[in-house]
Amino acid sequence: MAALLSDLEISRVIVSAEERHGRDTHIVIECVSKEDIPETHSGEETEDSIYWWVELENQIKTFETFAEVEKFLLEDSESSGSKWFDQMRDKV
């Protein structure tokens, strides 16, 4: 069974993304319900019933799992903030 949204470490990923890309970088993470997929018997959404909409500066992507969101924000993506941080780190 898919993970409940309340079980995902969304706050940790947001904090880590802000650290990587900068607090002033435009980042949006939204859960969008899929049509015709029921919620759990408790009424809570699972990863099977939603997809993830992510904006990072001018990049817009959709993902099926939160693990993909996490990988994109923390490993695969670059923003002007992360490029600046990398340049400053190389000078130190």
C-alpha atoms as a PDB file:
ATOM      1  CA  MET A   1       0.000   0.000   0.000  1.00  0.00           C
ATOM      2  CA  ALA A   2       1.173   3.524  -0.756  1.00  0.00           C
ATOM      3  CA  ALA A   3       2.373   5.826   1.994  1.00  0.00           C
ATOM      4  CA  LEU A   4      -0.077   8.181   3.671  1.00  0.00           C
ATOM      5  CA  LEU A   5       0.755  11.825   3.018  1.00  0.00           C
ATOM      6  CA  SER A   6       0.968  12.411   6.778  1.00  0.00           C
ATOM      7  CA  ASP A   7       3.798   9.837   6.947  1.00  0.00           C
ATOM      8  CA  LEU A   8       6.018  11.649   4.438  1.00  0.00           C
ATOM      9  CA  GLU A   9       8.847  13.876   5.660  1.00  0.00           C
ATOM     10  CA  ILE A  10       7.725  16.880   3.627  1.00  0.00           C
ATOM     11  CA  SER A  11       8.979  19.518   6.098  1.00  0.00           C
ATOM     12  CA  ARG A  12      12.479  18.016   6.163  1.00  0.00           C
ATOM     13  CA  VAL A  13      12.689  18.104   2.362  1.00  0.00           C
ATOM     14  CA  ILE A  14      11.460  21.714   2.238  1.00  0.00           C
ATOM     15  CA  VAL A  15      14.088  22.825   4.773  1.00  0.00           C
ATOM     16  CA  SER A  16      16.817  20.938   2.875  1.00  0.00           C
ATOM     17  CA  ALA A  17      15.679  22.447  -0.453  1.00  0.00           C
ATOM     18  CA  GLU A  18      15.799  25.948   1.053  1.00  0.00           C
ATOM     19  CA  GLU A  19      19.315  25.265   2.346  1.00  0.00           C
ATOM     20  CA  ARG A  20      20.434  24.042  -1.079  1.00  0.00           C
ATOM     21  CA  HIS A  21      18.721  26.621  -3.296  1.00  0.00           C
ATOM     22  CA  GLY A  22      18.377  29.622  -0.960  1.00  0.00           C
ATOM     23  CA  ARG A  23      15.403  30.873   1.018  1.00  0.00           C
ATOM     24  CA  ASP A  24      14.560  33.492  -1.615  1.00  0.00           C
ATOM     25  CA  THR A  25      14.379  30.976  -4.477  1.00  0.00           C
ATOM     26  CA  HIS A  26      10.889  30.379  -5.907  1.00  0.00           C
ATOM     27  CA  ILE A  27       9.914  26.825  -4.904  1.00  0.00           C
ATOM     28  CA  VAL A  28       6.362  25.416  -5.026  1.00  0.00           C
ATOM     29  CA  ILE A  29       5.342  21.882  -4.045  1.00  0.00           C
ATOM     30  CA  GLU A  30       1.677  20.926  -4.497  1.00  0.00           C
ATOM     31  CA  CYS A  31      -0.285  17.701  -4.139  1.00  0.00           C
ATOM     32  CA  VAL A  32      -2.873  17.329  -6.872  1.00  0.00           C
ATOM     33  CA  SER A  33      -5.601  14.681  -6.572  1.00  0.00           C
ATOM     34  CA  LYS A  34      -5.930  12.192  -9.394  1.00  0.00           C
ATOM     35  CA  GLU A  35      -9.410  11.648 -10.787  1.00  0.00           C
ATOM     36  CA  ASP A  36     -11.337   8.492  -9.858  1.00  0.00           C
ATOM     37  CA  ILE A  37      -8.875   7.179  -7.280  1.00  0.00           C
ATOM     38  CA  PRO A  38     -10.487   6.768  -3.863  1.00  0.00           C
ATOM     39  CA  GLU A  39      -8.951   7.936  -0.613  1.00  0.00           C
ATOM     40  CA  THR A  40      -8.179   5.440   2.144  1.00  0.00           C
ATOM     41  CA  HIS A  41     -11.030   4.248   4.354  1.00  0.00           C
ATOM     42  CA  SER A  42      -9.944   6.912   6.890  1.00  0.00           C
ATOM     43  CA  GLY A  43     -10.384   9.598   4.235  1.00  0.00           C
ATOM     44  CA  GLU A  44      -6.668  10.422   4.100  1.00  0.00           C
ATOM     45  CA  GLU A  45      -4.841  10.742   0.790  1.00  0.00           C
ATOM     46  CA  THR A  46      -2.065   8.342  -0.161  1.00  0.00           C
ATOM     47  CA  GLU A  47       0.642   8.701  -2.781  1.00  0.00           C
ATOM     48  CA  ASP A  48      -1.463   6.535  -5.105  1.00  0.00           C
ATOM     49  CA  SER A  49      -4.248   9.115  -5.112  1.00  0.00           C
ATOM     50  CA  ILE A  50      -2.160  12.204  -5.899  1.00  0.00           C
ATOM     51  CA  TYR A  51       0.619  13.452  -8.092  1.00  0.00           C
ATOM     52  CA  TRP A  52       3.169  16.122  -7.198  1.00  0.00           C
ATOM     53  CA  TRP A  53       3.471  19.473  -8.987  1.00  0.00           C
ATOM     54  CA  VAL A  54       6.858  21.141  -8.392  1.00  0.00           C
ATOM     55  CA  GLU A  55       8.101  24.550  -9.494  1.00  0.00           C
ATOM     56  CA  LEU A  56      11.718  25.569  -9.014  1.00  0.00           C
ATOM     57  CA  GLU A  57      12.350  29.000 -10.493  1.00  0.00           C
ATOM     58  CA  ASN A  58      11.405  28.537 -14.182  1.00  0.00           C
ATOM     59  CA  GLN A  59      11.296  24.716 -14.073  1.00  0.00           C
ATOM     60  CA  ILE A  60       7.915  22.975 -13.736  1.00  0.00           C
ATOM     61  CA  LYS A  61       7.768  19.216 -13.236  1.00  0.00           C
ATOM     62  CA  THR A  62       5.259  16.585 -12.131  1.00  0.00           C
ATOM     63  CA  PHE A  63       6.110  13.420 -10.217  1.00  0.00           C
ATOM     64  CA  GLU A  64       4.294  10.255  -9.185  1.00  0.00           C
ATOM     65  CA  THR A  65       6.087   9.824  -5.841  1.00  0.00           C
ATOM     66  CA  PHE A  66       7.487  12.076  -3.146  1.00  0.00           C
ATOM     67  CA  ALA A  67      10.824  10.248  -3.419  1.00  0.00           C
ATOM     68  CA  GLU A  68      11.081  11.637  -6.974  1.00  0.00           C
ATOM     69  CA  VAL A  69      10.309  15.148  -5.682  1.00  0.00           C
ATOM     70  CA  GLU A  70      13.005  14.792  -3.028  1.00  0.00           C
ATOM     71  CA  LYS A  71      15.584  13.545  -5.547  1.00  0.00           C
ATOM     72  CA  PHE A  72      14.801  16.386  -7.951  1.00  0.00           C
ATOM     73  CA  LEU A  73      14.985  19.155  -5.339  1.00  0.00           C
ATOM     74  CA  LEU A  74      17.989  17.852  -3.418  1.00  0.00           C
ATOM     75  CA  GLU A  75      20.108  16.168  -6.103  1.00  0.00           C
ATOM     76  CA  ASP A  76      19.117  16.700  -9.734  1.00  0.00           C
ATOM     77  CA  SER A  77      18.048  20.342  -9.991  1.00  0.00           C
ATOM     78  CA  GLU A  78      20.031  23.547 -10.160  1.00  0.00           C
ATOM     79  CA  SER A  79      18.818  27.000  -9.310  1.00  0.00           C
ATOM     80  CA  SER A  80      20.499  30.383  -9.409  1.00  0.00           C
ATOM     81  CA  GLY A  81      20.829  30.077  -5.607  1.00  0.00           C
ATOM     82  CA  SER A  82      22.554  26.700  -5.704  1.00  0.00           C
ATOM     83  CA  LYS A  83      24.911  27.874  -8.492  1.00  0.00           C
ATOM     84  CA  TRP A  84      25.851  30.952  -6.452  1.00  0.00           C
ATOM     85  CA  PHE A  85      26.486  28.815  -3.355  1.00  0.00           C
ATOM     86  CA  ASP A  86      28.695  26.434  -5.350  1.00  0.00           C
ATOM     87  CA  GLN A  87      30.722  29.380  -6.728  1.00  0.00           C
ATOM     88  CA  MET A  88      31.229  30.862  -3.253  1.00  0.00           C
ATOM     89  CA  ARG A  89      32.195  27.501  -1.776  1.00  0.00           C
ATOM     90  CA  ASP A  90      34.860  27.063  -4.475  1.00  0.00           C
ATOM     91  CA  LYS A  91      36.413  30.425  -3.477  1.00  0.00           C
ATOM     92  CA  VAL A  92      36.758  29.522   0.187  1.00  0.00           C
END
